Amino acid sequence: MTAHHKHHHTHAHSGHAHTHDHYSHHDQNKQGLAFVCAIVLNAAFVIVEFSYGFMANSTALMADAGHNLSDVLGLFLAWGAAILSRKVPNERYTYGLRSTSIMAALINAMFLLIACGAIAWEAIHRFSQPPLVGGLTVTVVAAIGIVINGLSAWLFVKGSKADLNIRGAYLHMAADAGVSLGVALAGIAMIYTNWYWLDPVISLLIVLVIVISTWCLLCEAMQLALVAVPAHIDVLEVTTYLRQCQGVTDIHDLHIWGLSTTESALTSHLVMPAGYPGDAFMDTVVETLKERFSIQHSTIQVEQGTTNHACALHPNNTVHNH
């Protein structure tokens, strides 16, 4: 068997290990139903909350409606990512359509920051002459928001333990229940004190919460779009693991990137003087990378180290252990 043939076999076999499904069809259907319920509940509440916010003259309610609209978009993104991750790759899109979730996250983040600017502008203008605000309406609508966001979070509790994508949706919903609680408390305070300046203050606090969370989303999406190593993966730990595998004397051309907002890929060259170690060894390495480091798709090339190999991206990075 030639060295070239060994490389080809390793690549094909490592790719094959990627075809296992993360969930059963039953779990996928339940997950889809949770998304549909949460999206319908939150979309209906956005319409109600914005309408009553407009009638009660409350920027806090309208700001929270904007926040909840971002949740509906976020839920659509998470649901879309879950569906697209199961799309079968084709001749043109050999990785499938996984990276659409990265593009969607970028668009969502930019849209949210623009919306935040508009809400903050309106709230700052209201400080000079705080208008009368319907405190009771604000309190009642915000209380409904606590129930809806709490119920939406509960729908994702089970899935959040195994899937980072679902965990994001769960945490977003739980945080929103807290924001609605803040709006409700401000509404109660306005009923008893007539401190109408509380409304723009709460609006700005909501904007601050959205900007902080959205900025993190924007940075993470930008990094993934620029093919950076996903934040949850420690390159040094991966390198250490590969180097200590039996028969490996060196590694080079290591690349790790995000296929989507939930999946990662790796390519690497292993220098193994004894030659190709067999399919069982490759299966173990691929499975360990998946289980320990959440790298779902690994392509590994084996070299015996008889010639110098330089990474095309790092021409000076030749292998020295020859």
C-alpha atoms as a PDB file:
ATOM      1  CA  MET A   1       0.000   0.000   0.000  1.00  0.00           C
ATOM      2  CA  THR A   2       1.511   3.352  -0.991  1.00  0.00           C
ATOM      3  CA  ALA A   3       1.695   6.293   1.378  1.00  0.00           C
ATOM      4  CA  HIS A   4      -0.736   8.182  -0.874  1.00  0.00           C
ATOM      5  CA  HIS A   5      -3.278   5.396  -0.637  1.00  0.00           C
ATOM      6  CA  LYS A   6      -2.961   5.409   3.149  1.00  0.00           C
ATOM      7  CA  HIS A   7      -3.750   9.122   3.249  1.00  0.00           C
ATOM      8  CA  HIS A   8      -6.802   8.695   1.060  1.00  0.00           C
ATOM      9  CA  HIS A   9      -8.193   5.839   3.138  1.00  0.00           C
ATOM     10  CA  THR A  10      -7.723   7.742   6.395  1.00  0.00           C
ATOM     11  CA  HIS A  11      -9.562  10.779   5.046  1.00  0.00           C
ATOM     12  CA  ALA A  12     -12.507   8.764   3.763  1.00  0.00           C
ATOM     13  CA  HIS A  13     -12.863   6.764   6.946  1.00  0.00           C
ATOM     14  CA  SER A  14     -12.678   9.804   9.232  1.00  0.00           C
ATOM     15  CA  GLY A  15     -15.365  11.510   7.156  1.00  0.00           C
ATOM     16  CA  HIS A  16     -17.569   8.441   7.424  1.00  0.00           C
ATOM     17  CA  ALA A  17     -17.545   8.638  11.226  1.00  0.00           C
ATOM     18  CA  HIS A  18     -19.453  11.943  10.945  1.00  0.00           C
ATOM     19  CA  THR A  19     -22.675  10.345   9.726  1.00  0.00           C
ATOM     20  CA  HIS A  20     -24.094   9.366  13.133  1.00  0.00           C
ATOM     21  CA  ASP A  21     -27.226  11.321  14.193  1.00  0.00           C
ATOM     22  CA  HIS A  22     -27.167  13.294  17.451  1.00  0.00           C
ATOM     23  CA  TYR A  23     -30.844  12.660  18.243  1.00  0.00           C
ATOM     24  CA  SER A  24     -33.506  10.081  17.509  1.00  0.00           C
ATOM     25  CA  HIS A  25     -36.383  11.115  15.196  1.00  0.00           C
ATOM     26  CA  HIS A  26     -38.688  11.141  18.235  1.00  0.00           C
ATOM     27  CA  ASP A  27     -36.441  13.685  20.013  1.00  0.00           C
ATOM     28  CA  GLN A  28     -36.189  15.787  16.844  1.00  0.00           C
ATOM     29  CA  ASN A  29     -39.992  15.900  16.509  1.00  0.00           C
ATOM     30  CA  LYS A  30     -40.407  16.893  20.176  1.00  0.00           C
ATOM     31  CA  GLN A  31     -37.741  19.569  19.719  1.00  0.00           C
ATOM     32  CA  GLY A  32     -39.548  20.913  16.626  1.00  0.00           C
ATOM     33  CA  LEU A  33     -42.855  21.042  18.540  1.00  0.00           C
ATOM     34  CA  ALA A  34     -41.185  22.966  21.401  1.00  0.00           C
ATOM     35  CA  PHE A  35     -39.888  25.536  18.894  1.00  0.00           C
ATOM     36  CA  VAL A  36     -43.300  25.934  17.201  1.00  0.00           C
ATOM     37  CA  CYS A  37     -45.089  26.426  20.579  1.00  0.00           C
ATOM     38  CA  ALA A  38     -42.501  28.929  21.837  1.00  0.00           C
ATOM     39  CA  ILE A  39     -42.489  30.897  18.551  1.00  0.00           C
ATOM     40  CA  VAL A  40     -46.323  31.116  18.377  1.00  0.00           C
ATOM     41  CA  LEU A  41     -46.614  32.129  22.069  1.00  0.00           C
ATOM     42  CA  ASN A  42     -43.904  34.786  21.841  1.00  0.00           C
ATOM     43  CA  ALA A  43     -45.018  36.183  18.454  1.00  0.00           C
ATOM     44  CA  ALA A  44     -48.588  36.637  19.758  1.00  0.00           C
ATOM     45  CA  PHE A  45     -47.258  38.289  22.926  1.00  0.00           C
ATOM     46  CA  VAL A  46     -45.067  40.717  20.922  1.00  0.00           C
ATOM     47  CA  ILE A  47     -48.165  42.026  19.102  1.00  0.00           C
ATOM     48  CA  VAL A  48     -50.162  42.342  22.348  1.00  0.00           C
ATOM     49  CA  GLU A  49     -47.284  43.927  24.293  1.00  0.00           C
ATOM     50  CA  PHE A  50     -46.408  46.498  21.621  1.00  0.00           C
ATOM     51  CA  SER A  51     -50.082  47.459  21.124  1.00  0.00           C
ATOM     52  CA  TYR A  52     -50.701  47.964  24.848  1.00  0.00           C
ATOM     53  CA  GLY A  53     -47.329  49.697  25.248  1.00  0.00           C
ATOM     54  CA  PHE A  54     -48.350  52.180  22.555  1.00  0.00           C
ATOM     55  CA  MET A  55     -51.764  52.750  24.172  1.00  0.00           C
ATOM     56  CA  ALA A  56     -50.308  53.072  27.692  1.00  0.00           C
ATOM     57  CA  ASN A  57     -47.573  55.413  26.377  1.00  0.00           C
ATOM     58  CA  SER A  58     -44.863  53.120  27.814  1.00  0.00           C
ATOM     59  CA  THR A  59     -41.458  52.893  26.125  1.00  0.00           C
ATOM     60  CA  ALA A  60     -40.569  50.165  28.650  1.00  0.00           C
ATOM     61  CA  LEU A  61     -43.339  47.913  27.295  1.00  0.00           C
ATOM     62  CA  MET A  62     -42.451  48.773  23.695  1.00  0.00           C
ATOM     63  CA  ALA A  63     -38.756  48.126  24.432  1.00  0.00           C
ATOM     64  CA  ASP A  64     -39.635  44.766  25.984  1.00  0.00           C
ATOM     65  CA  ALA A  65     -41.789  43.989  22.925  1.00  0.00           C
ATOM     66  CA  GLY A  66     -38.704  44.708  20.794  1.00  0.00           C
ATOM     67  CA  HIS A  67     -36.696  42.417  23.064  1.00  0.00           C
ATOM     68  CA  ASN A  68     -39.302  39.661  22.716  1.00  0.00           C
ATOM     69  CA  LEU A  69     -39.327  40.139  18.933  1.00  0.00           C
ATOM     70  CA  SER A  70     -35.575  39.458  19.037  1.00  0.00           C
ATOM     71  CA  ASP A  71     -36.385  36.233  20.896  1.00  0.00           C
ATOM     72  CA  VAL A  72     -38.807  35.152  18.173  1.00  0.00           C
ATOM     73  CA  LEU A  73     -36.058  35.795  15.580  1.00  0.00           C
ATOM     74  CA  GLY A  74     -33.562  33.968  17.801  1.00  0.00           C
ATOM     75  CA  LEU A  75     -35.933  30.991  18.120  1.00  0.00           C
ATOM     76  CA  PHE A  76     -36.372  30.916  14.334  1.00  0.00           C
ATOM     77  CA  LEU A  77     -32.581  30.919  13.962  1.00  0.00           C
ATOM     78  CA  ALA A  78     -32.119  28.098  16.466  1.00  0.00           C
ATOM     79  CA  TRP A  79     -34.929  26.080  14.853  1.00  0.00           C
ATOM     80  CA  GLY A  80     -33.559  26.758  11.383  1.00  0.00           C
ATOM     81  CA  ALA A  81     -30.087  25.654  12.506  1.00  0.00           C
ATOM     82  CA  ALA A  82     -31.544  22.442  13.946  1.00  0.00           C
ATOM     83  CA  ILE A  83     -33.328  21.698  10.624  1.00  0.00           C
ATOM     84  CA  LEU A  84     -30.436  22.732   8.326  1.00  0.00           C
ATOM     85  CA  SER A  85     -27.925  20.671  10.334  1.00  0.00           C
ATOM     86  CA  ARG A  86     -29.816  17.578   9.104  1.00  0.00           C
ATOM     87  CA  LYS A  87     -29.736  18.671   5.439  1.00  0.00           C
ATOM     88  CA  VAL A  88     -27.845  16.172   3.307  1.00  0.00           C
ATOM     89  CA  PRO A  89     -24.722  17.661   1.646  1.00  0.00           C
ATOM     90  CA  ASN A  90     -24.680  17.737  -2.162  1.00  0.00           C
ATOM     91  CA  GLU A  91     -22.067  18.166  -4.920  1.00  0.00           C
ATOM     92  CA  ARG A  92     -22.091  21.965  -4.602  1.00  0.00           C
ATOM     93  CA  TYR A  93     -22.519  22.268  -0.809  1.00  0.00           C
ATOM     94  CA  THR A  94     -20.329  19.429   0.449  1.00  0.00           C
ATOM     95  CA  TYR A  95     -20.877  20.434   4.100  1.00  0.00           C
ATOM     96  CA  GLY A  96     -24.618  20.908   3.600  1.00  0.00           C
ATOM     97  CA  LEU A  97     -26.169  24.255   4.638  1.00  0.00           C
ATOM     98  CA  ARG A  98     -24.905  24.344   8.219  1.00  0.00           C
ATOM     99  CA  SER A  99     -23.152  27.715   7.938  1.00  0.00           C
ATOM    100  CA  THR A 100     -26.454  29.526   7.206  1.00  0.00           C
ATOM    101  CA  SER A 101     -26.953  29.618  10.997  1.00  0.00           C
ATOM    102  CA  ILE A 102     -23.765  31.746  11.275  1.00  0.00           C
ATOM    103  CA  MET A 103     -25.042  34.195   8.622  1.00  0.00           C
ATOM    104  CA  ALA A 104     -28.447  34.373  10.332  1.00  0.00           C
ATOM    105  CA  ALA A 105     -26.833  35.076  13.727  1.00  0.00           C
ATOM    106  CA  LEU A 106     -24.831  37.955  12.192  1.00  0.00           C
ATOM    107  CA  ILE A 107     -27.951  39.482  10.579  1.00  0.00           C
ATOM    108  CA  ASN A 108     -29.971  39.046  13.791  1.00  0.00           C
ATOM    109  CA  ALA A 109     -27.273  40.754  15.888  1.00  0.00           C
ATOM    110  CA  MET A 110     -26.977  43.751  13.541  1.00  0.00           C
ATOM    111  CA  PHE A 111     -30.775  44.144  13.360  1.00  0.00           C
ATOM    112  CA  LEU A 112     -31.012  44.096  17.171  1.00  0.00           C
ATOM    113  CA  LEU A 113     -28.322  46.752  17.647  1.00  0.00           C
ATOM    114  CA  ILE A 114     -30.132  49.101  15.209  1.00  0.00           C
ATOM    115  CA  ALA A 115     -33.439  48.504  17.073  1.00  0.00           C
ATOM    116  CA  CYS A 116     -31.683  49.234  20.402  1.00  0.00           C
ATOM    117  CA  GLY A 117     -30.456  52.574  19.054  1.00  0.00           C
ATOM    118  CA  ALA A 118     -34.025  53.589  18.139  1.00  0.00           C
ATOM    119  CA  ILE A 119     -35.436  52.571  21.566  1.00  0.00           C
ATOM    120  CA  ALA A 120     -32.640  54.371  23.466  1.00  0.00           C
ATOM    121  CA  TRP A 121     -33.126  57.561  21.405  1.00  0.00           C
ATOM    122  CA  GLU A 122     -36.854  57.640  22.252  1.00  0.00           C
ATOM    123  CA  ALA A 123     -36.220  56.879  25.949  1.00  0.00           C
ATOM    124  CA  ILE A 124     -33.600  59.675  26.308  1.00  0.00           C
ATOM    125  CA  HIS A 125     -36.033  62.182  24.733  1.00  0.00           C
ATOM    126  CA  ARG A 126     -38.650  61.204  27.343  1.00  0.00           C
ATOM    127  CA  PHE A 127     -36.418  62.182  30.283  1.00  0.00           C
ATOM    128  CA  SER A 128     -36.970  65.912  29.664  1.00  0.00           C
ATOM    129  CA  GLN A 129     -40.777  65.556  29.805  1.00  0.00           C
ATOM    130  CA  PRO A 130     -41.856  62.143  31.115  1.00  0.00           C
ATOM    131  CA  PRO A 131     -45.377  61.513  29.715  1.00  0.00           C
ATOM    132  CA  LEU A 132     -48.181  59.960  31.744  1.00  0.00           C
ATOM    133  CA  VAL A 133     -47.878  56.189  31.656  1.00  0.00           C
ATOM    134  CA  GLY A 134     -50.650  53.635  32.325  1.00  0.00           C
ATOM    135  CA  GLY A 135     -48.952  51.852  35.236  1.00  0.00           C
ATOM    136  CA  LEU A 136     -51.679  49.198  35.630  1.00  0.00           C
ATOM    137  CA  THR A 137     -51.550  48.268  31.930  1.00  0.00           C
ATOM    138  CA  VAL A 138     -47.740  48.035  32.089  1.00  0.00           C
ATOM    139  CA  THR A 139     -47.901  45.770  35.162  1.00  0.00           C
ATOM    140  CA  VAL A 140     -50.566  43.407  33.794  1.00  0.00           C
ATOM    141  CA  VAL A 141     -48.944  43.005  30.361  1.00  0.00           C
ATOM    142  CA  ALA A 142     -45.472  42.496  31.887  1.00  0.00           C
ATOM    143  CA  ALA A 143     -46.932  39.848  34.255  1.00  0.00           C
ATOM    144  CA  ILE A 144     -48.295  37.974  31.208  1.00  0.00           C
ATOM    145  CA  GLY A 145     -44.775  38.231  29.763  1.00  0.00           C
ATOM    146  CA  ILE A 146     -43.307  36.523  32.860  1.00  0.00           C
ATOM    147  CA  VAL A 147     -45.711  33.584  32.375  1.00  0.00           C
ATOM    148  CA  ILE A 148     -45.092  33.249  28.602  1.00  0.00           C
ATOM    149  CA  ASN A 149     -41.296  33.528  28.860  1.00  0.00           C
ATOM    150  CA  GLY A 150     -41.238  31.138  31.815  1.00  0.00           C
ATOM    151  CA  LEU A 151     -43.352  28.583  29.916  1.00  0.00           C
ATOM    152  CA  SER A 152     -41.147  28.957  26.814  1.00  0.00           C
ATOM    153  CA  ALA A 153     -38.013  28.344  28.899  1.00  0.00           C
ATOM    154  CA  TRP A 154     -39.614  25.217  30.422  1.00  0.00           C
ATOM    155  CA  LEU A 155     -40.191  23.784  26.910  1.00  0.00           C
ATOM    156  CA  PHE A 156     -36.402  23.756  26.328  1.00  0.00           C
ATOM    157  CA  VAL A 157     -35.226  22.478  29.735  1.00  0.00           C
ATOM    158  CA  LYS A 158     -34.747  18.860  28.623  1.00  0.00           C
ATOM    159  CA  GLY A 159     -33.030  19.597  25.292  1.00  0.00           C
ATOM    160  CA  SER A 160     -30.753  22.245  26.858  1.00  0.00           C
ATOM    161  CA  LYS A 161     -28.701  19.578  28.640  1.00  0.00           C
ATOM    162  CA  ALA A 162     -27.403  17.969  25.417  1.00  0.00           C
ATOM    163  CA  ASP A 163     -27.459  20.692  22.736  1.00  0.00           C
ATOM    164  CA  LEU A 164     -25.649  24.038  22.916  1.00  0.00           C
ATOM    165  CA  ASN A 165     -28.083  25.491  20.362  1.00  0.00           C
ATOM    166  CA  ILE A 166     -31.126  24.594  22.514  1.00  0.00           C
ATOM    167  CA  ARG A 167     -29.345  25.780  25.676  1.00  0.00           C
ATOM    168  CA  GLY A 168     -29.015  29.237  24.061  1.00  0.00           C
ATOM    169  CA  ALA A 169     -32.781  29.354  23.414  1.00  0.00           C
ATOM    170  CA  TYR A 170     -33.495  28.192  27.005  1.00  0.00           C
ATOM    171  CA  LEU A 171     -31.210  30.815  28.620  1.00  0.00           C
ATOM    172  CA  HIS A 172     -32.630  33.574  26.390  1.00  0.00           C
ATOM    173  CA  MET A 173     -36.198  32.762  27.472  1.00  0.00           C
ATOM    174  CA  ALA A 174     -35.246  32.516  31.169  1.00  0.00           C
ATOM    175  CA  ALA A 175     -33.475  35.918  31.008  1.00  0.00           C
ATOM    176  CA  ASP A 176     -36.552  37.462  29.367  1.00  0.00           C
ATOM    177  CA  ALA A 177     -38.755  36.343  32.217  1.00  0.00           C
ATOM    178  CA  GLY A 178     -36.419  38.387  34.452  1.00  0.00           C
ATOM    179  CA  VAL A 179     -36.680  41.454  32.176  1.00  0.00           C
ATOM    180  CA  SER A 180     -40.507  41.236  32.235  1.00  0.00           C
ATOM    181  CA  LEU A 181     -40.348  41.067  36.049  1.00  0.00           C
ATOM    182  CA  GLY A 182     -38.374  44.356  36.050  1.00  0.00           C
ATOM    183  CA  VAL A 183     -40.996  46.033  33.831  1.00  0.00           C
ATOM    184  CA  ALA A 184     -43.826  44.766  36.095  1.00  0.00           C
ATOM    185  CA  LEU A 185     -42.115  46.148  39.231  1.00  0.00           C
ATOM    186  CA  ALA A 186     -41.654  49.532  37.494  1.00  0.00           C
ATOM    187  CA  GLY A 187     -45.370  49.485  36.583  1.00  0.00           C
ATOM    188  CA  ILE A 188     -46.353  48.858  40.216  1.00  0.00           C
ATOM    189  CA  ALA A 189     -44.027  51.673  41.368  1.00  0.00           C
ATOM    190  CA  MET A 190     -45.606  54.104  38.841  1.00  0.00           C
ATOM    191  CA  ILE A 191     -49.145  53.281  40.094  1.00  0.00           C
ATOM    192  CA  TYR A 192     -48.257  54.232  43.692  1.00  0.00           C
ATOM    193  CA  THR A 193     -45.652  56.996  43.210  1.00  0.00           C
ATOM    194  CA  ASN A 194     -46.391  58.576  39.795  1.00  0.00           C
ATOM    195  CA  TRP A 195     -42.637  58.409  39.088  1.00  0.00           C
ATOM    196  CA  TYR A 196     -43.121  58.292  35.337  1.00  0.00           C
ATOM    197  CA  TRP A 197     -39.380  58.783  34.768  1.00  0.00           C
ATOM    198  CA  LEU A 198     -39.059  55.104  35.793  1.00  0.00           C
ATOM    199  CA  ASP A 199     -40.425  54.139  32.359  1.00  0.00           C
ATOM    200  CA  PRO A 200     -37.521  55.514  30.279  1.00  0.00           C
ATOM    201  CA  VAL A 201     -35.056  54.283  32.956  1.00  0.00           C
ATOM    202  CA  ILE A 202     -36.366  50.712  32.611  1.00  0.00           C
ATOM    203  CA  SER A 203     -36.303  51.133  28.799  1.00  0.00           C
ATOM    204  CA  LEU A 204     -32.595  52.003  28.902  1.00  0.00           C
ATOM    205  CA  LEU A 205     -31.837  49.105  31.273  1.00  0.00           C
ATOM    206  CA  ILE A 206     -33.582  46.702  28.837  1.00  0.00           C
ATOM    207  CA  VAL A 207     -31.563  48.214  25.966  1.00  0.00           C
ATOM    208  CA  LEU A 208     -28.369  47.678  28.015  1.00  0.00           C
ATOM    209  CA  VAL A 209     -29.276  44.003  28.626  1.00  0.00           C
ATOM    210  CA  ILE A 210     -29.981  43.465  24.895  1.00  0.00           C
ATOM    211  CA  VAL A 211     -26.791  45.269  23.772  1.00  0.00           C
ATOM    212  CA  ILE A 212     -24.569  43.228  26.119  1.00  0.00           C
ATOM    213  CA  SER A 213     -26.079  39.888  25.040  1.00  0.00           C
ATOM    214  CA  THR A 214     -26.234  40.936  21.358  1.00  0.00           C
ATOM    215  CA  TRP A 215     -22.623  42.166  21.370  1.00  0.00           C
ATOM    216  CA  CYS A 216     -21.510  38.714  22.553  1.00  0.00           C
ATOM    217  CA  LEU A 217     -23.655  37.115  19.810  1.00  0.00           C
ATOM    218  CA  LEU A 218     -22.222  39.490  17.184  1.00  0.00           C
ATOM    219  CA  CYS A 219     -18.599  38.831  18.230  1.00  0.00           C
ATOM    220  CA  GLU A 220     -19.122  35.059  18.291  1.00  0.00           C
ATOM    221  CA  ALA A 221     -20.884  35.086  14.900  1.00  0.00           C
ATOM    222  CA  MET A 222     -18.112  37.278  13.413  1.00  0.00           C
ATOM    223  CA  GLN A 223     -15.449  34.885  14.718  1.00  0.00           C
ATOM    224  CA  LEU A 224     -17.272  31.883  13.239  1.00  0.00           C
ATOM    225  CA  ALA A 225     -17.743  33.724   9.916  1.00  0.00           C
ATOM    226  CA  LEU A 226     -13.973  34.404   9.892  1.00  0.00           C
ATOM    227  CA  VAL A 227     -13.310  30.654  10.429  1.00  0.00           C
ATOM    228  CA  ALA A 228     -11.946  31.133  13.963  1.00  0.00           C
ATOM    229  CA  VAL A 229     -11.650  28.241  16.419  1.00  0.00           C
ATOM    230  CA  PRO A 230     -15.046  28.026  18.233  1.00  0.00           C
ATOM    231  CA  ALA A 231     -14.926  29.527  21.747  1.00  0.00           C
ATOM    232  CA  HIS A 232     -15.660  26.222  23.547  1.00  0.00           C
ATOM    233  CA  ILE A 233     -12.637  24.408  22.025  1.00  0.00           C
ATOM    234  CA  ASP A 234      -9.156  24.620  23.589  1.00  0.00           C
ATOM    235  CA  VAL A 235      -6.606  24.192  20.759  1.00  0.00           C
ATOM    236  CA  LEU A 236      -3.799  23.367  23.223  1.00  0.00           C
ATOM    237  CA  GLU A 237      -5.837  20.503  24.733  1.00  0.00           C
ATOM    238  CA  VAL A 238      -6.632  19.093  21.266  1.00  0.00           C
ATOM    239  CA  THR A 239      -2.937  19.356  20.256  1.00  0.00           C
ATOM    240  CA  THR A 240      -1.836  17.644  23.485  1.00  0.00           C
ATOM    241  CA  TYR A 241      -4.322  14.796  22.932  1.00  0.00           C
ATOM    242  CA  LEU A 242      -3.235  14.187  19.313  1.00  0.00           C
ATOM    243  CA  ARG A 243       0.479  14.305  20.220  1.00  0.00           C
ATOM    244  CA  GLN A 244       0.102  11.710  22.970  1.00  0.00           C
ATOM    245  CA  CYS A 245      -1.692   9.182  20.706  1.00  0.00           C
ATOM    246  CA  GLN A 246       0.346   5.985  20.369  1.00  0.00           C
ATOM    247  CA  GLY A 247       2.802   6.076  17.448  1.00  0.00           C
ATOM    248  CA  VAL A 248       2.460   9.856  16.828  1.00  0.00           C
ATOM    249  CA  THR A 249       5.807  11.720  16.844  1.00  0.00           C
ATOM    250  CA  ASP A 250       4.527  15.092  15.620  1.00  0.00           C
ATOM    251  CA  ILE A 251       1.446  16.888  14.245  1.00  0.00           C
ATOM    252  CA  HIS A 252       1.075  19.810  11.841  1.00  0.00           C
ATOM    253  CA  ASP A 253      -1.509  21.508   9.589  1.00  0.00           C
ATOM    254  CA  LEU A 254      -4.008  21.504  12.470  1.00  0.00           C
ATOM    255  CA  HIS A 255      -7.131  23.518  11.597  1.00  0.00           C
ATOM    256  CA  ILE A 256     -10.344  23.772  13.661  1.00  0.00           C
ATOM    257  CA  TRP A 257     -13.373  25.821  12.601  1.00  0.00           C
ATOM    258  CA  GLY A 258     -17.138  26.076  13.029  1.00  0.00           C
ATOM    259  CA  LEU A 259     -19.338  24.382  10.436  1.00  0.00           C
ATOM    260  CA  SER A 260     -22.348  26.071  12.038  1.00  0.00           C
ATOM    261  CA  THR A 261     -23.280  27.686  15.352  1.00  0.00           C
ATOM    262  CA  THR A 262     -23.446  24.179  16.865  1.00  0.00           C
ATOM    263  CA  GLU A 263     -20.959  21.980  14.967  1.00  0.00           C
ATOM    264  CA  SER A 264     -17.181  22.044  14.504  1.00  0.00           C
ATOM    265  CA  ALA A 265     -14.698  20.455  12.106  1.00  0.00           C
ATOM    266  CA  LEU A 266     -10.984  19.566  12.282  1.00  0.00           C
ATOM    267  CA  THR A 267      -8.235  18.661   9.827  1.00  0.00           C
ATOM    268  CA  SER A 268      -4.741  17.603  10.852  1.00  0.00           C
ATOM    269  CA  HIS A 269      -1.645  15.729   9.666  1.00  0.00           C
ATOM    270  CA  LEU A 270      -0.213  13.116  12.086  1.00  0.00           C
ATOM    271  CA  VAL A 271       3.423  12.067  11.655  1.00  0.00           C
ATOM    272  CA  MET A 272       3.551   8.300  12.383  1.00  0.00           C
ATOM    273  CA  PRO A 273       6.890   6.662  11.340  1.00  0.00           C
ATOM    274  CA  ALA A 274       5.395   3.151  11.624  1.00  0.00           C
ATOM    275  CA  GLY A 275       2.800   4.041   8.964  1.00  0.00           C
ATOM    276  CA  TYR A 276      -0.982   3.843   8.877  1.00  0.00           C
ATOM    277  CA  PRO A 277      -2.141   2.458  12.267  1.00  0.00           C
ATOM    278  CA  GLY A 278      -5.379   0.810  11.062  1.00  0.00           C
ATOM    279  CA  ASP A 279      -9.060   1.724  11.010  1.00  0.00           C
ATOM    280  CA  ALA A 280      -9.685   0.933  14.707  1.00  0.00           C
ATOM    281  CA  PHE A 281      -7.077   3.538  15.769  1.00  0.00           C
ATOM    282  CA  MET A 282      -8.633   6.161  13.458  1.00  0.00           C
ATOM    283  CA  ASP A 283     -12.133   5.378  14.761  1.00  0.00           C
ATOM    284  CA  THR A 284     -10.938   5.889  18.349  1.00  0.00           C
ATOM    285  CA  VAL A 285      -9.284   9.248  17.559  1.00  0.00           C
ATOM    286  CA  VAL A 286     -12.341  10.531  15.655  1.00  0.00           C
ATOM    287  CA  GLU A 287     -14.726   9.379  18.401  1.00  0.00           C
ATOM    288  CA  THR A 288     -12.582  10.952  21.158  1.00  0.00           C
ATOM    289  CA  LEU A 289     -12.446  14.269  19.289  1.00  0.00           C
ATOM    290  CA  LYS A 290     -16.249  14.149  19.055  1.00  0.00           C
ATOM    291  CA  GLU A 291     -16.951  13.122  22.666  1.00  0.00           C
ATOM    292  CA  ARG A 292     -14.250  15.072  24.514  1.00  0.00           C
ATOM    293  CA  PHE A 293     -13.945  18.216  22.380  1.00  0.00           C
ATOM    294  CA  SER A 294     -17.318  18.403  20.546  1.00  0.00           C
ATOM    295  CA  ILE A 295     -15.595  18.249  17.135  1.00  0.00           C
ATOM    296  CA  GLN A 296     -18.171  16.411  15.022  1.00  0.00           C
ATOM    297  CA  HIS A 297     -16.295  16.133  11.723  1.00  0.00           C
ATOM    298  CA  SER A 298     -12.586  15.166  11.706  1.00  0.00           C
ATOM    299  CA  THR A 299     -10.353  14.536   8.691  1.00  0.00           C
ATOM    300  CA  ILE A 300      -6.925  13.155   9.584  1.00  0.00           C
ATOM    301  CA  GLN A 301      -3.989  12.506   7.273  1.00  0.00           C
ATOM    302  CA  VAL A 302      -1.189  10.125   8.291  1.00  0.00           C
ATOM    303  CA  GLU A 303       2.408  10.709   7.187  1.00  0.00           C
ATOM    304  CA  GLN A 304       5.522   8.626   7.906  1.00  0.00           C
ATOM    305  CA  GLY A 305       7.773  11.689   8.070  1.00  0.00           C
ATOM    306  CA  THR A 306      10.104  10.608   5.256  1.00  0.00           C
ATOM    307  CA  THR A 307       9.786  13.980   3.506  1.00  0.00           C
ATOM    308  CA  ASN A 308       9.305  17.589   4.617  1.00  0.00           C
ATOM    309  CA  HIS A 309       5.703  18.813   4.594  1.00  0.00           C
ATOM    310  CA  ALA A 310       4.866  22.494   4.835  1.00  0.00           C
ATOM    311  CA  CYS A 311       1.351  23.817   5.413  1.00  0.00           C
ATOM    312  CA  ALA A 312       0.278  25.918   2.425  1.00  0.00           C
ATOM    313  CA  LEU A 313      -0.987  28.568   4.872  1.00  0.00           C
ATOM    314  CA  HIS A 314       2.269  28.520   6.892  1.00  0.00           C
ATOM    315  CA  PRO A 315       5.137  27.908   4.398  1.00  0.00           C
ATOM    316  CA  ASN A 316       7.767  28.154   7.165  1.00  0.00           C
ATOM    317  CA  ASN A 317       5.995  25.645   9.392  1.00  0.00           C
ATOM    318  CA  THR A 318       7.828  22.484   8.300  1.00  0.00           C
ATOM    319  CA  VAL A 319       7.962  19.304  10.344  1.00  0.00           C
ATOM    320  CA  HIS A 320      11.249  18.995  12.177  1.00  0.00           C
ATOM    321  CA  ASN A 321      10.957  15.533  13.772  1.00  0.00           C
ATOM    322  CA  HIS A 322      12.433  13.585  10.851  1.00  0.00           C
END
